[in-house]
Amino acid sequence: MTTPTSTEEQQWQAATAALLRIIFPHDALVWIIAEEYGSDGPVWRTTLVCQGEWRQWMRRRYRYDIPSGTLHFAGEEPISGAELRSVRQQGRRL
């Protein structure tokens, strides 16, 4: 597997963000906390923090399948208040 170029990473980041903007309302509080190229295939992984169904703050993972241009939900877990404060200071808003 070759290492992706920064231009490729920017393209995948933009494609993922565009699909996430379809999922989340424009005024939703969503922070991107991690993004990386997957070592197990041509996928771009994104981890974010948002409010879940029951208004609890959650860490969600998504996989953008590069060949098909498809975004897949990959799970979620609740976060603590301390982690939320850190995310709000250091994360990047969607």
PDB file of N, CA and C in Angstrom:
ATOM      1  N   MET A   1       0.841  -1.172   0.000  1.00  0.00           N
ATOM      2  CA  MET A   1       0.000   0.000   0.000  1.00  0.00           C
ATOM      3  C   MET A   1       0.890   1.240   0.000  1.00  0.00           C
ATOM      4  N   THR A   2       0.560   2.213  -0.847  1.00  0.00           N
ATOM      5  CA  THR A   2       1.342   3.438  -0.894  1.00  0.00           C
ATOM      6  C   THR A   2       0.780   4.458   0.085  1.00  0.00           C
ATOM      7  N   THR A   3       1.643   5.355   0.511  1.00  0.00           N
ATOM      8  CA  THR A   3       1.215   6.417   1.410  1.00  0.00           C
ATOM      9  C   THR A   3       0.468   7.474   0.602  1.00  0.00           C
ATOM     10  N   PRO A   4      -0.732   7.872   1.050  1.00  0.00           N
ATOM     11  CA  PRO A   4      -1.478   8.874   0.291  1.00  0.00           C
ATOM     12  C   PRO A   4      -0.796  10.244   0.349  1.00  0.00           C
ATOM     13  N   THR A   5      -0.972  11.015  -0.710  1.00  0.00           N
ATOM     14  CA  THR A   5      -0.418  12.367  -0.744  1.00  0.00           C
ATOM     15  C   THR A   5      -1.323  13.308   0.047  1.00  0.00           C
ATOM     16  N   SER A   6      -0.808  14.455   0.392  1.00  0.00           N
ATOM     17  CA  SER A   6      -1.629  15.420   1.132  1.00  0.00           C
ATOM     18  C   SER A   6      -2.814  15.884   0.283  1.00  0.00           C
ATOM     19  N   THR A   7      -2.642  15.951  -1.025  1.00  0.00           N
ATOM     20  CA  THR A   7      -3.748  16.326  -1.912  1.00  0.00           C
ATOM     21  C   THR A   7      -4.852  15.278  -1.868  1.00  0.00           C
ATOM     22  N   GLU A   8      -4.473  14.004  -1.892  1.00  0.00           N
ATOM     23  CA  GLU A   8      -5.471  12.928  -1.789  1.00  0.00           C
ATOM     24  C   GLU A   8      -6.196  13.009  -0.451  1.00  0.00           C
ATOM     25  N   GLU A   9      -5.448  13.215   0.627  1.00  0.00           N
ATOM     26  CA  GLU A   9      -6.063  13.312   1.948  1.00  0.00           C
ATOM     27  C   GLU A   9      -7.045  14.481   2.010  1.00  0.00           C
ATOM     28  N   GLN A  10      -6.698  15.599   1.407  1.00  0.00           N
ATOM     29  CA  GLN A  10      -7.600  16.755   1.381  1.00  0.00           C
ATOM     30  C   GLN A  10      -8.869  16.434   0.599  1.00  0.00           C
ATOM     31  N   GLN A  11      -8.745  15.690  -0.488  1.00  0.00           N
ATOM     32  CA  GLN A  11      -9.917  15.299  -1.278  1.00  0.00           C
ATOM     33  C   GLN A  11     -10.835  14.389  -0.468  1.00  0.00           C
ATOM     34  N   TRP A  12     -10.264  13.423   0.232  1.00  0.00           N
ATOM     35  CA  TRP A  12     -11.071  12.492   1.031  1.00  0.00           C
ATOM     36  C   TRP A  12     -11.709  13.218   2.208  1.00  0.00           C
ATOM     37  N   GLN A  13     -10.962  14.127   2.809  1.00  0.00           N
ATOM     38  CA  GLN A  13     -11.486  14.918   3.919  1.00  0.00           C
ATOM     39  C   GLN A  13     -12.688  15.748   3.444  1.00  0.00           C
ATOM     40  N   ALA A  14     -12.570  16.385   2.295  1.00  0.00           N
ATOM     41  CA  ALA A  14     -13.657  17.199   1.748  1.00  0.00           C
ATOM     42  C   ALA A  14     -14.869  16.341   1.381  1.00  0.00           C
ATOM     43  N   ALA A  15     -14.633  15.180   0.791  1.00  0.00           N
ATOM     44  CA  ALA A  15     -15.733  14.286   0.414  1.00  0.00           C
ATOM     45  C   ALA A  15     -16.470  13.790   1.653  1.00  0.00           C
ATOM     46  N   THR A  16     -15.721  13.429   2.687  1.00  0.00           N
ATOM     47  CA  THR A  16     -16.336  12.972   3.933  1.00  0.00           C
ATOM     48  C   THR A  16     -17.141  14.091   4.572  1.00  0.00           C
ATOM     49  N   ALA A  17     -16.577  15.287   4.634  1.00  0.00           N
ATOM     50  CA  ALA A  17     -17.275  16.431   5.231  1.00  0.00           C
ATOM     51  C   ALA A  17     -18.576  16.727   4.483  1.00  0.00           C
ATOM     52  N   ALA A  18     -18.551  16.643   3.163  1.00  0.00           N
ATOM     53  CA  ALA A  18     -19.760  16.896   2.373  1.00  0.00           C
ATOM     54  C   ALA A  18     -20.860  15.891   2.718  1.00  0.00           C
ATOM     55  N   LEU A  19     -20.500  14.630   2.874  1.00  0.00           N
ATOM     56  CA  LEU A  19     -21.489  13.606   3.228  1.00  0.00           C
ATOM     57  C   LEU A  19     -21.975  13.776   4.663  1.00  0.00           C
ATOM     58  N   LEU A  20     -21.087  14.161   5.572  1.00  0.00           N
ATOM     59  CA  LEU A  20     -21.498  14.391   6.961  1.00  0.00           C
ATOM     60  C   LEU A  20     -22.459  15.575   7.060  1.00  0.00           C
ATOM     61  N   ARG A  21     -22.290  16.575   6.207  1.00  0.00           N
ATOM     62  CA  ARG A  21     -23.199  17.734   6.221  1.00  0.00           C
ATOM     63  C   ARG A  21     -24.608  17.346   5.768  1.00  0.00           C
ATOM     64  N   ILE A  22     -24.734  16.249   5.054  1.00  0.00           N
ATOM     65  CA  ILE A  22     -26.058  15.733   4.696  1.00  0.00           C
ATOM     66  C   ILE A  22     -26.703  15.084   5.921  1.00  0.00           C
ATOM     67  N   ILE A  23     -25.903  14.412   6.732  1.00  0.00           N
ATOM     68  CA  ILE A  23     -26.404  13.700   7.910  1.00  0.00           C
ATOM     69  C   ILE A  23     -26.789  14.664   9.026  1.00  0.00           C
ATOM     70  N   PHE A  24     -25.943  15.663   9.273  1.00  0.00           N
ATOM     71  CA  PHE A  24     -26.148  16.578  10.396  1.00  0.00           C
ATOM     72  C   PHE A  24     -26.744  17.898   9.921  1.00  0.00           C
ATOM     73  N   PRO A  25     -27.723  18.455  10.675  1.00  0.00           N
ATOM     74  CA  PRO A  25     -28.266  19.777  10.324  1.00  0.00           C
ATOM     75  C   PRO A  25     -27.161  20.830  10.343  1.00  0.00           C
ATOM     76  N   HIS A  26     -27.339  21.903   9.582  1.00  0.00           N
ATOM     77  CA  HIS A  26     -26.285  22.916   9.457  1.00  0.00           C
ATOM     78  C   HIS A  26     -25.918  23.567  10.785  1.00  0.00           C
ATOM     79  N   ASP A  27     -26.838  23.594  11.743  1.00  0.00           N
ATOM     80  CA  ASP A  27     -26.557  24.231  13.030  1.00  0.00           C
ATOM     81  C   ASP A  27     -26.156  23.229  14.123  1.00  0.00           C
ATOM     82  N   ALA A  28     -25.962  21.970  13.759  1.00  0.00           N
ATOM     83  CA  ALA A  28     -25.586  20.945  14.748  1.00  0.00           C
ATOM     84  C   ALA A  28     -24.175  21.197  15.276  1.00  0.00           C
ATOM     85  N   LEU A  29     -23.999  20.922  16.552  1.00  0.00           N
ATOM     86  CA  LEU A  29     -22.678  21.038  17.168  1.00  0.00           C
ATOM     87  C   LEU A  29     -21.941  19.726  16.939  1.00  0.00           C
ATOM     88  N   VAL A  30     -21.022  19.748  15.986  1.00  0.00           N
ATOM     89  CA  VAL A  30     -20.255  18.562  15.606  1.00  0.00           C
ATOM     90  C   VAL A  30     -18.790  18.965  15.513  1.00  0.00           C
ATOM     91  N   TRP A  31     -17.941  18.203  16.188  1.00  0.00           N
ATOM     92  CA  TRP A  31     -16.502  18.457  16.142  1.00  0.00           C
ATOM     93  C   TRP A  31     -15.786  17.238  15.587  1.00  0.00           C
ATOM     94  N   ILE A  32     -14.914  17.452  14.617  1.00  0.00           N
ATOM     95  CA  ILE A  32     -14.054  16.398  14.080  1.00  0.00           C
ATOM     96  C   ILE A  32     -12.853  16.295  15.018  1.00  0.00           C
ATOM     97  N   ILE A  33     -12.594  15.094  15.537  1.00  0.00           N
ATOM     98  CA  ILE A  33     -11.473  14.947  16.471  1.00  0.00           C
ATOM     99  C   ILE A  33     -10.338  14.090  15.920  1.00  0.00           C
ATOM    100  N   ALA A  34     -10.590  13.318  14.875  1.00  0.00           N
ATOM    101  CA  ALA A  34      -9.512  12.506  14.284  1.00  0.00           C
ATOM    102  C   ALA A  34      -9.889  12.121  12.859  1.00  0.00           C
ATOM    103  N   GLU A  35      -8.873  12.085  11.993  1.00  0.00           N
ATOM    104  CA  GLU A  35      -9.038  11.619  10.620  1.00  0.00           C
ATOM    105  C   GLU A  35      -7.762  10.904  10.219  1.00  0.00           C
ATOM    106  N   GLU A  36      -7.931   9.778   9.510  1.00  0.00           N
ATOM    107  CA  GLU A  36      -6.750   9.030   9.084  1.00  0.00           C
ATOM    108  C   GLU A  36      -7.096   8.108   7.928  1.00  0.00           C
ATOM    109  N   TYR A  37      -6.079   7.781   7.158  1.00  0.00           N
ATOM    110  CA  TYR A  37      -6.214   6.807   6.083  1.00  0.00           C
ATOM    111  C   TYR A  37      -6.172   5.425   6.715  1.00  0.00           C
ATOM    112  N   GLY A  38      -7.113   4.563   6.365  1.00  0.00           N
ATOM    113  CA  GLY A  38      -7.175   3.227   6.937  1.00  0.00           C
ATOM    114  C   GLY A  38      -6.100   2.312   6.401  1.00  0.00           C
ATOM    115  N   SER A  39      -5.496   1.551   7.272  1.00  0.00           N
ATOM    116  CA  SER A  39      -4.436   0.622   6.866  1.00  0.00           C
ATOM    117  C   SER A  39      -4.999  -0.689   6.323  1.00  0.00           C
ATOM    118  N   ASP A  40      -6.304  -0.901   6.462  1.00  0.00           N
ATOM    119  CA  ASP A  40      -6.917  -2.164   6.044  1.00  0.00           C
ATOM    120  C   ASP A  40      -7.641  -2.060   4.699  1.00  0.00           C
ATOM    121  N   GLY A  41      -7.361  -1.041   3.949  1.00  0.00           N
ATOM    122  CA  GLY A  41      -8.002  -0.883   2.647  1.00  0.00           C
ATOM    123  C   GLY A  41      -8.133   0.584   2.302  1.00  0.00           C
ATOM    124  N   PRO A  42      -8.649   0.871   1.139  1.00  0.00           N
ATOM    125  CA  PRO A  42      -8.756   2.274   0.741  1.00  0.00           C
ATOM    126  C   PRO A  42      -9.946   2.964   1.419  1.00  0.00           C
ATOM    127  N   VAL A  43      -9.781   3.294   2.699  1.00  0.00           N
ATOM    128  CA  VAL A  43     -10.829   3.982   3.459  1.00  0.00           C
ATOM    129  C   VAL A  43     -10.236   5.179   4.199  1.00  0.00           C
ATOM    130  N   TRP A  44     -11.059   6.187   4.385  1.00  0.00           N
ATOM    131  CA  TRP A  44     -10.701   7.372   5.165  1.00  0.00           C
ATOM    132  C   TRP A  44     -11.560   7.326   6.420  1.00  0.00           C
ATOM    133  N   ARG A  45     -10.920   7.280   7.579  1.00  0.00           N
ATOM    134  CA  ARG A  45     -11.638   7.160   8.851  1.00  0.00           C
ATOM    135  C   ARG A  45     -11.778   8.531   9.502  1.00  0.00           C
ATOM    136  N   THR A  46     -12.975   8.805   9.998  1.00  0.00           N
ATOM    137  CA  THR A  46     -13.247  10.070  10.679  1.00  0.00           C
ATOM    138  C   THR A  46     -13.912   9.772  12.010  1.00  0.00           C
ATOM    139  N   THR A  47     -13.414  10.412  13.060  1.00  0.00           N
ATOM    140  CA  THR A  47     -14.023  10.319  14.383  1.00  0.00           C
ATOM    141  C   THR A  47     -14.507  11.711  14.749  1.00  0.00           C
ATOM    142  N   LEU A  48     -15.734  11.783  15.249  1.00  0.00           N
ATOM    143  CA  LEU A  48     -16.301  13.079  15.603  1.00  0.00           C
ATOM    144  C   LEU A  48     -17.069  12.978  16.910  1.00  0.00           C
ATOM    145  N   VAL A  49     -17.437  14.128  17.451  1.00  0.00           N
ATOM    146  CA  VAL A  49     -18.266  14.193  18.650  1.00  0.00           C
ATOM    147  C   VAL A  49     -19.518  14.986  18.304  1.00  0.00           C
ATOM    148  N   CYS A  50     -20.677  14.444  18.705  1.00  0.00           N
ATOM    149  CA  CYS A  50     -21.964  15.094  18.459  1.00  0.00           C
ATOM    150  C   CYS A  50     -22.951  14.621  19.522  1.00  0.00           C
ATOM    151  N   GLN A  51     -24.132  15.225  19.539  1.00  0.00           N
ATOM    152  CA  GLN A  51     -25.165  14.754  20.452  1.00  0.00           C
ATOM    153  C   GLN A  51     -25.880  13.574  19.824  1.00  0.00           C
ATOM    154  N   GLY A  52     -26.125  12.553  20.647  1.00  0.00           N
ATOM    155  CA  GLY A  52     -26.829  11.372  20.180  1.00  0.00           C
ATOM    156  C   GLY A  52     -28.335  11.549  20.267  1.00  0.00           C
ATOM    157  N   GLU A  53     -29.046  10.471  20.021  1.00  0.00           N
ATOM    158  CA  GLU A  53     -30.510  10.483  20.028  1.00  0.00           C
ATOM    159  C   GLU A  53     -31.102  10.995  21.328  1.00  0.00           C
ATOM    160  N   TRP A  54     -30.499  10.655  22.430  1.00  0.00           N
ATOM    161  CA  TRP A  54     -31.045  11.006  23.745  1.00  0.00           C
ATOM    162  C   TRP A  54     -30.351  12.224  24.343  1.00  0.00           C
ATOM    163  N   ARG A  55     -29.746  13.063  23.475  1.00  0.00           N
ATOM    164  CA  ARG A  55     -29.081  14.311  23.862  1.00  0.00           C
ATOM    165  C   ARG A  55     -27.792  14.095  24.635  1.00  0.00           C
ATOM    166  N   GLN A  56     -27.320  12.867  24.696  1.00  0.00           N
ATOM    167  CA  GLN A  56     -26.037  12.587  25.336  1.00  0.00           C
ATOM    168  C   GLN A  56     -24.944  12.793  24.296  1.00  0.00           C
ATOM    169  N   TRP A  57     -23.805  13.317  24.732  1.00  0.00           N
ATOM    170  CA  TRP A  57     -22.689  13.545  23.816  1.00  0.00           C
ATOM    171  C   TRP A  57     -21.995  12.222  23.516  1.00  0.00           C
ATOM    172  N   MET A  58     -21.762  11.998  22.225  1.00  0.00           N
ATOM    173  CA  MET A  58     -21.231  10.718  21.769  1.00  0.00           C
ATOM    174  C   MET A  58     -20.010  10.922  20.874  1.00  0.00           C
ATOM    175  N   ARG A  59     -19.126   9.933  20.914  1.00  0.00           N
ATOM    176  CA  ARG A  59     -18.023   9.847  19.954  1.00  0.00           C
ATOM    177  C   ARG A  59     -18.500   8.884  18.872  1.00  0.00           C
ATOM    178  N   ARG A  60     -18.521   9.354  17.631  1.00  0.00           N
ATOM    179  CA  ARG A  60     -18.961   8.521  16.512  1.00  0.00           C
ATOM    180  C   ARG A  60     -17.817   8.320  15.535  1.00  0.00           C
ATOM    181  N   ARG A  61     -17.822   7.139  14.944  1.00  0.00           N
ATOM    182  CA  ARG A  61     -16.807   6.806  13.948  1.00  0.00           C
ATOM    183  C   ARG A  61     -17.496   6.543  12.599  1.00  0.00           C
ATOM    184  N   TYR A  62     -16.870   7.068  11.557  1.00  0.00           N
ATOM    185  CA  TYR A  62     -17.360   6.865  10.192  1.00  0.00           C
ATOM    186  C   TYR A  62     -16.210   6.403   9.313  1.00  0.00           C
ATOM    187  N   ARG A  63     -16.556   5.616   8.295  1.00  0.00           N
ATOM    188  CA  ARG A  63     -15.574   5.157   7.299  1.00  0.00           C
ATOM    189  C   ARG A  63     -16.052   5.614   5.931  1.00  0.00           C
ATOM    190  N   TYR A  64     -15.194   6.336   5.227  1.00  0.00           N
ATOM    191  CA  TYR A  64     -15.488   6.736   3.854  1.00  0.00           C
ATOM    192  C   TYR A  64     -14.783   5.749   2.937  1.00  0.00           C
ATOM    193  N   ASP A  65     -15.561   4.950   2.211  1.00  0.00           N
ATOM    194  CA  ASP A  65     -15.011   3.978   1.266  1.00  0.00           C
ATOM    195  C   ASP A  65     -14.614   4.742   0.004  1.00  0.00           C
ATOM    196  N   ILE A  66     -13.326   4.855  -0.224  1.00  0.00           N
ATOM    197  CA  ILE A  66     -12.806   5.699  -1.300  1.00  0.00           C
ATOM    198  C   ILE A  66     -13.251   5.227  -2.690  1.00  0.00           C
ATOM    199  N   PRO A  67     -13.114   3.932  -3.035  1.00  0.00           N
ATOM    200  CA  PRO A  67     -13.505   3.519  -4.390  1.00  0.00           C
ATOM    201  C   PRO A  67     -14.991   3.753  -4.701  1.00  0.00           C
ATOM    202  N   SER A  68     -15.873   3.523  -3.721  1.00  0.00           N
ATOM    203  CA  SER A  68     -17.308   3.649  -3.996  1.00  0.00           C
ATOM    204  C   SER A  68     -17.868   5.021  -3.641  1.00  0.00           C
ATOM    205  N   GLY A  69     -17.107   5.825  -2.886  1.00  0.00           N
ATOM    206  CA  GLY A  69     -17.595   7.140  -2.476  1.00  0.00           C
ATOM    207  C   GLY A  69     -18.719   7.066  -1.459  1.00  0.00           C
ATOM    208  N   THR A  70     -18.715   5.995  -0.649  1.00  0.00           N
ATOM    209  CA  THR A  70     -19.783   5.747   0.309  1.00  0.00           C
ATOM    210  C   THR A  70     -19.302   5.976   1.735  1.00  0.00           C
ATOM    211  N   LEU A  71     -20.142   6.626   2.546  1.00  0.00           N
ATOM    212  CA  LEU A  71     -19.830   6.855   3.951  1.00  0.00           C
ATOM    213  C   LEU A  71     -20.580   5.833   4.794  1.00  0.00           C
ATOM    214  N   HIS A  72     -19.861   5.138   5.691  1.00  0.00           N
ATOM    215  CA  HIS A  72     -20.455   4.110   6.547  1.00  0.00           C
ATOM    216  C   HIS A  72     -20.328   4.510   8.013  1.00  0.00           C
ATOM    217  N   PHE A  73     -21.405   4.332   8.768  1.00  0.00           N
ATOM    218  CA  PHE A  73     -21.372   4.524  10.213  1.00  0.00           C
ATOM    219  C   PHE A  73     -20.641   3.334  10.812  1.00  0.00           C
ATOM    220  N   ALA A  74     -19.705   3.591  11.746  1.00  0.00           N
ATOM    221  CA  ALA A  74     -18.892   2.504  12.299  1.00  0.00           C
ATOM    222  C   ALA A  74     -18.996   2.392  13.815  1.00  0.00           C
ATOM    223  N   GLY A  75     -19.994   3.030  14.424  1.00  0.00           N
ATOM    224  CA  GLY A  75     -20.208   2.873  15.850  1.00  0.00           C
ATOM    225  C   GLY A  75     -20.116   4.176  16.619  1.00  0.00           C
ATOM    226  N   GLU A  76     -20.592   4.106  17.873  1.00  0.00           N
ATOM    227  CA  GLU A  76     -20.551   5.276  18.736  1.00  0.00           C
ATOM    228  C   GLU A  76     -20.433   4.846  20.181  1.00  0.00           C
ATOM    229  N   GLU A  77     -19.954   5.776  21.019  1.00  0.00           N
ATOM    230  CA  GLU A  77     -19.865   5.531  22.452  1.00  0.00           C
ATOM    231  C   GLU A  77     -19.975   6.868  23.169  1.00  0.00           C
ATOM    232  N   PRO A  78     -20.543   6.872  24.381  1.00  0.00           N
ATOM    233  CA  PRO A  78     -20.692   8.130  25.121  1.00  0.00           C
ATOM    234  C   PRO A  78     -19.342   8.658  25.588  1.00  0.00           C
ATOM    235  N   ILE A  79     -19.274   9.979  25.771  1.00  0.00           N
ATOM    236  CA  ILE A  79     -18.055  10.597  26.298  1.00  0.00           C
ATOM    237  C   ILE A  79     -18.387  11.314  27.601  1.00  0.00           C
ATOM    238  N   SER A  80     -17.370  11.602  28.378  1.00  0.00           N
ATOM    239  CA  SER A  80     -17.542  12.287  29.662  1.00  0.00           C
ATOM    240  C   SER A  80     -17.619  13.800  29.445  1.00  0.00           C
ATOM    241  N   GLY A  81     -18.057  14.508  30.473  1.00  0.00           N
ATOM    242  CA  GLY A  81     -18.092  15.965  30.419  1.00  0.00           C
ATOM    243  C   GLY A  81     -16.713  16.557  30.233  1.00  0.00           C
ATOM    244  N   ALA A  82     -15.715  15.960  30.875  1.00  0.00           N
ATOM    245  CA  ALA A  82     -14.340  16.452  30.739  1.00  0.00           C
ATOM    246  C   ALA A  82     -13.847  16.284  29.304  1.00  0.00           C
ATOM    247  N   GLU A  83     -14.166  15.155  28.694  1.00  0.00           N
ATOM    248  CA  GLU A  83     -13.750  14.936  27.308  1.00  0.00           C
ATOM    249  C   GLU A  83     -14.458  15.918  26.374  1.00  0.00           C
ATOM    250  N   LEU A  84     -15.734  16.196  26.635  1.00  0.00           N
ATOM    251  CA  LEU A  84     -16.463  17.159  25.810  1.00  0.00           C
ATOM    252  C   LEU A  84     -15.816  18.542  25.889  1.00  0.00           C
ATOM    253  N   ARG A  85     -15.435  18.971  27.077  1.00  0.00           N
ATOM    254  CA  ARG A  85     -14.771  20.274  27.227  1.00  0.00           C
ATOM    255  C   ARG A  85     -13.482  20.313  26.409  1.00  0.00           C
ATOM    256  N   SER A  86     -12.724  19.240  26.456  1.00  0.00           N
ATOM    257  CA  SER A  86     -11.478  19.166  25.693  1.00  0.00           C
ATOM    258  C   SER A  86     -11.748  19.222  24.186  1.00  0.00           C
ATOM    259  N   VAL A  87     -12.748  18.485  23.744  1.00  0.00           N
ATOM    260  CA  VAL A  87     -13.106  18.451  22.321  1.00  0.00           C
ATOM    261  C   VAL A  87     -13.529  19.835  21.846  1.00  0.00           C
ATOM    262  N   ARG A  88     -14.312  20.531  22.647  1.00  0.00           N
ATOM    263  CA  ARG A  88     -14.787  21.866  22.254  1.00  0.00           C
ATOM    264  C   ARG A  88     -13.636  22.848  22.110  1.00  0.00           C
ATOM    265  N   GLN A  89     -12.574  22.633  22.863  1.00  0.00           N
ATOM    266  CA  GLN A  89     -11.415  23.525  22.785  1.00  0.00           C
ATOM    267  C   GLN A  89     -10.474  23.137  21.646  1.00  0.00           C
ATOM    268  N   GLN A  90     -10.325  21.844  21.406  1.00  0.00           N
ATOM    269  CA  GLN A  90      -9.293  21.378  20.479  1.00  0.00           C
ATOM    270  C   GLN A  90      -9.817  20.822  19.158  1.00  0.00           C
ATOM    271  N   GLY A  91     -11.079  20.412  19.117  1.00  0.00           N
ATOM    272  CA  GLY A  91     -11.622  19.820  17.893  1.00  0.00           C
ATOM    273  C   GLY A  91     -11.893  20.863  16.825  1.00  0.00           C
ATOM    274  N   ARG A  92     -12.145  20.391  15.620  1.00  0.00           N
ATOM    275  CA  ARG A  92     -12.455  21.261  14.485  1.00  0.00           C
ATOM    276  C   ARG A  92     -13.933  21.108  14.161  1.00  0.00           C
ATOM    277  N   ARG A  93     -14.657  22.210  14.109  1.00  0.00           N
ATOM    278  CA  ARG A  93     -16.088  22.145  13.810  1.00  0.00           C
ATOM    279  C   ARG A  93     -16.323  21.669  12.381  1.00  0.00           C
ATOM    280  N   LEU A  94     -17.357  20.887  12.226  1.00  0.00           N
ATOM    281  CA  LEU A  94     -17.764  20.431  10.893  1.00  0.00           C
ATOM    282  C   LEU A  94     -18.363  21.612  10.151  1.00  0.00           C
TER     283      LEU A  94
END
